[in-house]
PDB file of N, CA and C in Angstrom:
ATOM      1  N   MET A   1     116.347  62.421 138.017  1.00  0.00           N
ATOM      2  CA  MET A   1     116.585  61.285 139.283  1.00  0.00           C
ATOM      3  C   MET A   1     117.637  60.341 138.871  1.00  0.00           C
ATOM      4  N   GLY A   2     118.498  60.431 139.790  1.00  0.00           N
ATOM      5  CA  GLY A   2     119.690  59.329 139.510  1.00  0.00           C
ATOM      6  C   GLY A   2     119.474  57.964 140.106  1.00  0.00           C
ATOM      7  N   ILE A   3     120.441  57.094 139.834  1.00  0.00           N
ATOM      8  CA  ILE A   3     120.272  55.697 140.322  1.00  0.00           C
ATOM      9  C   ILE A   3     120.350  55.778 141.853  1.00  0.00           C
ATOM     10  N   GLU A   4     121.148  56.897 142.430  1.00  0.00           N
ATOM     11  CA  GLU A   4     121.133  56.691 144.004  1.00  0.00           C
ATOM     12  C   GLU A   4     119.840  57.112 144.640  1.00  0.00           C
ATOM     13  N   ASP A   5     119.283  58.015 143.826  1.00  0.00           N
ATOM     14  CA  ASP A   5     117.770  58.589 144.170  1.00  0.00           C
ATOM     15  C   ASP A   5     116.961  57.584 144.349  1.00  0.00           C
ATOM     16  N   THR A   6     116.949  56.640 143.226  1.00  0.00           N
ATOM     17  CA  THR A   6     116.067  55.492 143.041  1.00  0.00           C
ATOM     18  C   THR A   6     116.408  54.594 144.119  1.00  0.00           C
ATOM     19  N   VAL A   7     117.575  54.123 144.464  1.00  0.00           N
ATOM     20  CA  VAL A   7     118.046  53.249 145.367  1.00  0.00           C
ATOM     21  C   VAL A   7     117.412  53.608 146.660  1.00  0.00           C
ATOM     22  N   ASN A   8     117.706  54.772 147.091  1.00  0.00           N
ATOM     23  CA  ASN A   8     117.322  55.412 148.473  1.00  0.00           C
ATOM     24  C   ASN A   8     115.687  55.383 148.413  1.00  0.00           C
ATOM     25  N   LYS A   9     115.018  55.691 147.331  1.00  0.00           N
ATOM     26  CA  LYS A   9     113.667  55.516 147.528  1.00  0.00           C
ATOM     27  C   LYS A   9     113.050  54.215 147.698  1.00  0.00           C
ATOM     28  N   GLY A  10     113.756  53.262 147.364  1.00  0.00           N
ATOM     29  CA  GLY A  10     113.554  51.853 147.509  1.00  0.00           C
ATOM     30  C   GLY A  10     113.795  51.388 148.723  1.00  0.00           C
ATOM     31  N   LYS A  11     114.823  51.895 149.436  1.00  0.00           N
ATOM     32  CA  LYS A  11     115.132  51.715 150.931  1.00  0.00           C
ATOM     33  C   LYS A  11     114.105  52.335 151.766  1.00  0.00           C
ATOM     34  N   ASP A  12     113.644  53.422 151.402  1.00  0.00           N
ATOM     35  CA  ASP A  12     112.647  54.072 152.260  1.00  0.00           C
ATOM     36  C   ASP A  12     111.265  53.548 152.214  1.00  0.00           C
ATOM     37  N   LEU A  13     110.903  52.906 150.915  1.00  0.00           N
ATOM     38  CA  LEU A  13     109.738  52.086 150.729  1.00  0.00           C
ATOM     39  C   LEU A  13     109.854  50.895 151.608  1.00  0.00           C
ATOM     40  N   TYR A  14     111.023  50.313 151.408  1.00  0.00           N
ATOM     41  CA  TYR A  14     111.056  48.929 152.198  1.00  0.00           C
ATOM     42  C   TYR A  14     110.925  49.163 153.859  1.00  0.00           C
ATOM     43  N   GLU A  15     111.605  49.963 154.135  1.00  0.00           N
ATOM     44  CA  GLU A  15     111.626  50.487 155.531  1.00  0.00           C
ATOM     45  C   GLU A  15     110.193  50.809 155.967  1.00  0.00           C
ATOM     46  N   GLN A  16     109.614  51.396 155.257  1.00  0.00           N
ATOM     47  CA  GLN A  16     108.043  51.696 155.674  1.00  0.00           C
ATOM     48  C   GLN A  16     106.970  50.715 155.701  1.00  0.00           C
ATOM     49  N   ASN A  17     107.574  49.579 154.891  1.00  0.00           N
ATOM     50  CA  ASN A  17     106.545  48.505 154.565  1.00  0.00           C
ATOM     51  C   ASN A  17     107.078  47.126 154.800  1.00  0.00           C
ATOM     52  N   LYS A  18     108.255  46.987 155.890  1.00  0.00           N
ATOM     53  CA  LYS A  18     109.127  45.854 156.027  1.00  0.00           C
ATOM     54  C   LYS A  18     108.017  44.800 156.602  1.00  0.00           C
ATOM     55  N   ASP A  19     107.345  45.254 157.588  1.00  0.00           N
ATOM     56  CA  ASP A  19     106.535  44.300 158.318  1.00  0.00           C
ATOM     57  C   ASP A  19     105.492  43.601 157.335  1.00  0.00           C
ATOM     58  N   LYS A  20     104.860  44.389 156.384  1.00  0.00           N
ATOM     59  CA  LYS A  20     104.055  43.773 155.396  1.00  0.00           C
ATOM     60  C   LYS A  20     104.747  42.882 154.633  1.00  0.00           C
ATOM     61  N   ILE A  21     105.937  43.054 154.100  1.00  0.00           N
ATOM     62  CA  ILE A  21     106.768  42.309 153.252  1.00  0.00           C
ATOM     63  C   ILE A  21     107.212  41.035 153.768  1.00  0.00           C
ATOM     64  N   ALA A  22     107.438  41.216 155.102  1.00  0.00           N
ATOM     65  CA  ALA A  22     107.805  39.898 155.753  1.00  0.00           C
ATOM     66  C   ALA A  22     106.521  38.978 155.955  1.00  0.00           C
ATOM     67  N   GLU A  23     105.496  39.698 156.214  1.00  0.00           N
ATOM     68  CA  GLU A  23     104.158  38.789 156.226  1.00  0.00           C
ATOM     69  C   GLU A  23     103.738  38.063 155.063  1.00  0.00           C
ATOM     70  N   ALA A  24     103.942  38.782 153.764  1.00  0.00           N
ATOM     71  CA  ALA A  24     103.746  38.294 152.482  1.00  0.00           C
ATOM     72  C   ALA A  24     104.760  37.134 152.178  1.00  0.00           C
ATOM     73  N   VAL A  25     106.078  37.438 152.666  1.00  0.00           N
ATOM     74  CA  VAL A  25     107.076  36.386 152.090  1.00  0.00           C
ATOM     75  C   VAL A  25     106.676  35.063 152.975  1.00  0.00           C
ATOM     76  N   LYS A  26     106.194  35.371 154.197  1.00  0.00           N
ATOM     77  CA  LYS A  26     105.886  33.911 154.945  1.00  0.00           C
ATOM     78  C   LYS A  26     104.397  33.394 154.772  1.00  0.00           C
ATOM     79  N   SER A  27     103.848  33.706 153.767  1.00  0.00           N
ATOM     80  CA  SER A  27     102.255  33.402 153.621  1.00  0.00           C
ATOM     81  C   SER A  27     102.292  32.100 152.909  1.00  0.00           C
ATOM     82  N   GLU A  28     101.110  31.452 152.822  1.00  0.00           N
ATOM     83  CA  GLU A  28     100.785  30.237 152.373  1.00  0.00           C
ATOM     84  C   GLU A  28     100.865  30.547 150.721  1.00  0.00           C
ATOM     85  N   GLN A  29     100.397  31.505 150.286  1.00  0.00           N
ATOM     86  CA  GLN A  29     100.400  31.930 148.810  1.00  0.00           C
ATOM     87  C   GLN A  29     102.028  32.041 148.302  1.00  0.00           C
ATOM     88  N   ALA A  30     102.825  32.557 149.058  1.00  0.00           N
ATOM     89  CA  ALA A  30     104.204  32.613 148.688  1.00  0.00           C
ATOM     90  C   ALA A  30     104.854  31.243 148.728  1.00  0.00           C
ATOM     91  N   GLU A  31     104.392  30.374 149.907  1.00  0.00           N
ATOM     92  CA  GLU A  31     104.914  28.967 149.781  1.00  0.00           C
ATOM     93  C   GLU A  31     104.421  28.118 148.700  1.00  0.00           C
ATOM     94  N   ASP A  32     103.208  28.450 148.113  1.00  0.00           N
ATOM     95  CA  ASP A  32     102.822  27.713 146.942  1.00  0.00           C
ATOM     96  C   ASP A  32     103.575  28.210 145.729  1.00  0.00           C
ATOM     97  N   ILE A  33     103.660  29.496 145.420  1.00  0.00           N
ATOM     98  CA  ILE A  33     104.441  29.917 144.554  1.00  0.00           C
ATOM     99  C   ILE A  33     106.025  29.681 144.448  1.00  0.00           C
ATOM    100  N   SER A  34     106.540  29.638 145.475  1.00  0.00           N
ATOM    101  CA  SER A  34     108.174  29.655 145.640  1.00  0.00           C
ATOM    102  C   SER A  34     108.221  27.976 145.434  1.00  0.00           C
ATOM    103  N   ASP A  35     107.458  27.109 145.936  1.00  0.00           N
ATOM    104  CA  ASP A  35     107.633  25.681 145.627  1.00  0.00           C
ATOM    105  C   ASP A  35     107.658  25.464 144.230  1.00  0.00           C
ATOM    106  N   LYS A  36     106.832  25.939 143.444  1.00  0.00           N
ATOM    107  CA  LYS A  36     106.645  25.746 142.122  1.00  0.00           C
ATOM    108  C   LYS A  36     107.885  26.050 141.309  1.00  0.00           C
ATOM    109  N   VAL A  37     108.313  27.529 141.826  1.00  0.00           N
ATOM    110  CA  VAL A  37     109.360  27.923 141.021  1.00  0.00           C
ATOM    111  C   VAL A  37     110.671  27.421 141.450  1.00  0.00           C
ATOM    112  N   LEU A  38     110.830  26.994 142.491  1.00  0.00           N
ATOM    113  CA  LEU A  38     112.106  26.387 142.849  1.00  0.00           C
ATOM    114  C   LEU A  38     112.117  24.690 142.321  1.00  0.00           C
ATOM    115  N   ASP A  39     111.057  24.180 142.557  1.00  0.00           N
ATOM    116  CA  ASP A  39     111.053  22.855 141.744  1.00  0.00           C
ATOM    117  C   ASP A  39     111.223  22.886 140.251  1.00  0.00           C
ATOM    118  N   GLY A  40     110.907  23.963 139.559  1.00  0.00           N
ATOM    119  CA  GLY A  40     111.258  24.135 138.225  1.00  0.00           C
ATOM    120  C   GLY A  40     112.664  24.349 137.954  1.00  0.00           C
ATOM    121  N   VAL A  41     113.221  25.102 138.606  1.00  0.00           N
ATOM    122  CA  VAL A  41     114.608  25.659 138.648  1.00  0.00           C
ATOM    123  C   VAL A  41     115.537  24.485 139.116  1.00  0.00           C
ATOM    124  N   ALA A  42     115.205  23.692 140.001  1.00  0.00           N
ATOM    125  CA  ALA A  42     115.848  22.431 140.549  1.00  0.00           C
ATOM    126  C   ALA A  42     115.766  21.376 139.427  1.00  0.00           C
ATOM    127  N   ASP A  43     114.636  21.289 138.733  1.00  0.00           N
ATOM    128  CA  ASP A  43     114.761  20.319 137.662  1.00  0.00           C
ATOM    129  C   ASP A  43     115.381  20.400 136.396  1.00  0.00           C
ATOM    130  N   PHE A  44     115.498  21.793 136.268  1.00  0.00           N
ATOM    131  CA  PHE A  44     116.085  22.282 135.087  1.00  0.00           C
ATOM    132  C   PHE A  44     117.631  22.055 135.400  1.00  0.00           C
ATOM    133  N   ALA A  45     118.140  22.580 136.527  1.00  0.00           N
ATOM    134  CA  ALA A  45     119.419  22.467 137.017  1.00  0.00           C
ATOM    135  C   ALA A  45     119.983  20.919 136.599  1.00  0.00           C
ATOM    136  N   LYS A  46     119.258  20.026 137.159  1.00  0.00           N
ATOM    137  CA  LYS A  46     119.350  18.703 137.201  1.00  0.00           C
ATOM    138  C   LYS A  46     119.623  18.144 135.951  1.00  0.00           C
ATOM    139  N   LYS A  47     118.840  18.783 134.843  1.00  0.00           N
ATOM    140  CA  LYS A  47     119.114  18.354 133.420  1.00  0.00           C
ATOM    141  C   LYS A  47     120.451  18.818 132.848  1.00  0.00           C
ATOM    142  N   LEU A  48     120.840  19.904 133.422  1.00  0.00           N
ATOM    143  CA  LEU A  48     122.180  20.291 132.940  1.00  0.00           C
ATOM    144  C   LEU A  48     123.331  19.790 133.540  1.00  0.00           C
ATOM    145  N   ALA A  49     123.154  19.445 134.883  1.00  0.00           N
ATOM    146  CA  ALA A  49     124.237  18.768 135.655  1.00  0.00           C
ATOM    147  C   ALA A  49     123.834  17.657 136.533  1.00  0.00           C
ATOM    148  N   PRO A  50     123.362  16.595 135.834  1.00  0.00           N
ATOM    149  CA  PRO A  50     122.718  15.349 136.310  1.00  0.00           C
ATOM    150  C   PRO A  50     123.641  14.792 137.666  1.00  0.00           C
ATOM    151  N   GLY A  51     124.830  14.919 137.424  1.00  0.00           N
ATOM    152  CA  GLY A  51     125.675  14.362 138.572  1.00  0.00           C
ATOM    153  C   GLY A  51     125.639  15.077 139.895  1.00  0.00           C
ATOM    154  N   ALA A  52     124.914  16.191 139.867  1.00  0.00           N
ATOM    155  CA  ALA A  52     124.976  17.203 140.833  1.00  0.00           C
ATOM    156  C   ALA A  52     123.563  17.316 141.661  1.00  0.00           C
ATOM    157  N   ALA A  53     122.698  16.307 141.484  1.00  0.00           N
ATOM    158  CA  ALA A  53     121.461  16.460 141.883  1.00  0.00           C
ATOM    159  C   ALA A  53     121.224  16.273 143.345  1.00  0.00           C
ATOM    160  N   ASP A  54     122.032  15.739 144.291  1.00  0.00           N
ATOM    161  CA  ASP A  54     121.871  15.703 145.645  1.00  0.00           C
ATOM    162  C   ASP A  54     122.267  17.371 146.031  1.00  0.00           C
ATOM    163  N   LYS A  55     123.331  17.763 145.543  1.00  0.00           N
ATOM    164  CA  LYS A  55     123.708  19.139 145.768  1.00  0.00           C
ATOM    165  C   LYS A  55     122.575  20.242 145.514  1.00  0.00           C
ATOM    166  N   ILE A  56     122.010  19.990 144.137  1.00  0.00           N
ATOM    167  CA  ILE A  56     120.701  20.785 143.757  1.00  0.00           C
ATOM    168  C   ILE A  56     119.558  20.768 144.779  1.00  0.00           C
ATOM    169  N   ASP A  57     119.541  19.655 145.119  1.00  0.00           N
ATOM    170  CA  ASP A  57     118.259  19.379 146.206  1.00  0.00           C
ATOM    171  C   ASP A  57     118.638  20.058 147.427  1.00  0.00           C
ATOM    172  N   GLU A  58     119.701  19.942 147.875  1.00  0.00           N
ATOM    173  CA  GLU A  58     120.330  20.649 149.077  1.00  0.00           C
ATOM    174  C   GLU A  58     120.072  22.278 148.831  1.00  0.00           C
ATOM    175  N   ILE A  59     120.466  22.790 147.790  1.00  0.00           N
ATOM    176  CA  ILE A  59     120.438  24.245 147.556  1.00  0.00           C
ATOM    177  C   ILE A  59     118.950  24.678 147.655  1.00  0.00           C
ATOM    178  N   ARG A  60     118.145  23.796 146.835  1.00  0.00           N
ATOM    179  CA  ARG A  60     116.692  23.887 146.677  1.00  0.00           C
ATOM    180  C   ARG A  60     116.024  24.081 148.020  1.00  0.00           C
ATOM    181  N   ASP A  61     116.215  23.052 148.841  1.00  0.00           N
ATOM    182  CA  ASP A  61     115.724  22.958 150.144  1.00  0.00           C
ATOM    183  C   ASP A  61     116.177  24.287 151.132  1.00  0.00           C
ATOM    184  N   SER A  62     117.307  24.769 151.076  1.00  0.00           N
ATOM    185  CA  SER A  62     117.859  25.840 151.740  1.00  0.00           C
ATOM    186  C   SER A  62     117.014  27.028 151.269  1.00  0.00           C
ATOM    187  N   ALA A  63     117.022  27.245 150.180  1.00  0.00           N
ATOM    188  CA  ALA A  63     116.186  28.443 149.388  1.00  0.00           C
ATOM    189  C   ALA A  63     114.591  28.338 149.926  1.00  0.00           C
ATOM    190  N   ASP A  64     114.034  27.113 149.756  1.00  0.00           N
ATOM    191  CA  ASP A  64     112.709  26.913 150.337  1.00  0.00           C
ATOM    192  C   ASP A  64     112.365  27.305 151.811  1.00  0.00           C
ATOM    193  N   LYS A  65     113.439  27.258 152.621  1.00  0.00           N
ATOM    194  CA  LYS A  65     113.205  27.535 153.991  1.00  0.00           C
ATOM    195  C   LYS A  65     113.256  28.986 154.241  1.00  0.00           C
ATOM    196  N   ALA A  66     113.696  29.967 153.230  1.00  0.00           N
ATOM    197  CA  ALA A  66     113.890  31.266 153.309  1.00  0.00           C
ATOM    198  C   ALA A  66     112.634  31.924 153.075  1.00  0.00           C
ATOM    199  N   VAL A  67     111.509  31.134 152.197  1.00  0.00           N
ATOM    200  CA  VAL A  67     110.379  31.784 151.731  1.00  0.00           C
ATOM    201  C   VAL A  67     109.285  30.988 151.910  1.00  0.00           C
ATOM    202  N   GLY A  68     108.123  31.702 152.565  1.00  0.00           N
ATOM    203  CA  GLY A  68     106.824  30.960 152.521  1.00  0.00           C
ATOM    204  C   GLY A  68     106.744  30.580 154.121  1.00  0.00           C
ATOM    205  N   ASN A  69     105.953  29.612 154.533  1.00  0.00           N
ATOM    206  CA  ASN A  69     105.471  29.118 155.863  1.00  0.00           C
ATOM    207  C   ASN A  69     105.874  27.809 156.110  1.00  0.00           C
ATOM    208  N   GLU A  70     106.603  27.203 155.361  1.00  0.00           N
ATOM    209  CA  GLU A  70     106.783  25.593 155.593  1.00  0.00           C
ATOM    210  C   GLU A  70     108.280  25.612 155.476  1.00  0.00           C
TER     211      GLU A  70
END
């Protein structure tokens, strides 16, 4: 099985389960997990680039809107 076969199988699985995946991504549990991950990444990025805190918060908020239910 080559890489193309693996990619195609992944695409097929996604198509068969995209409604379930969308539901899971918009769940309360996904919101809680994503908030913790995004907060951790944002805090780390602020330590690396303290002058970019506002931009980091903006990016974090944009990402947060894409995952979870809030």
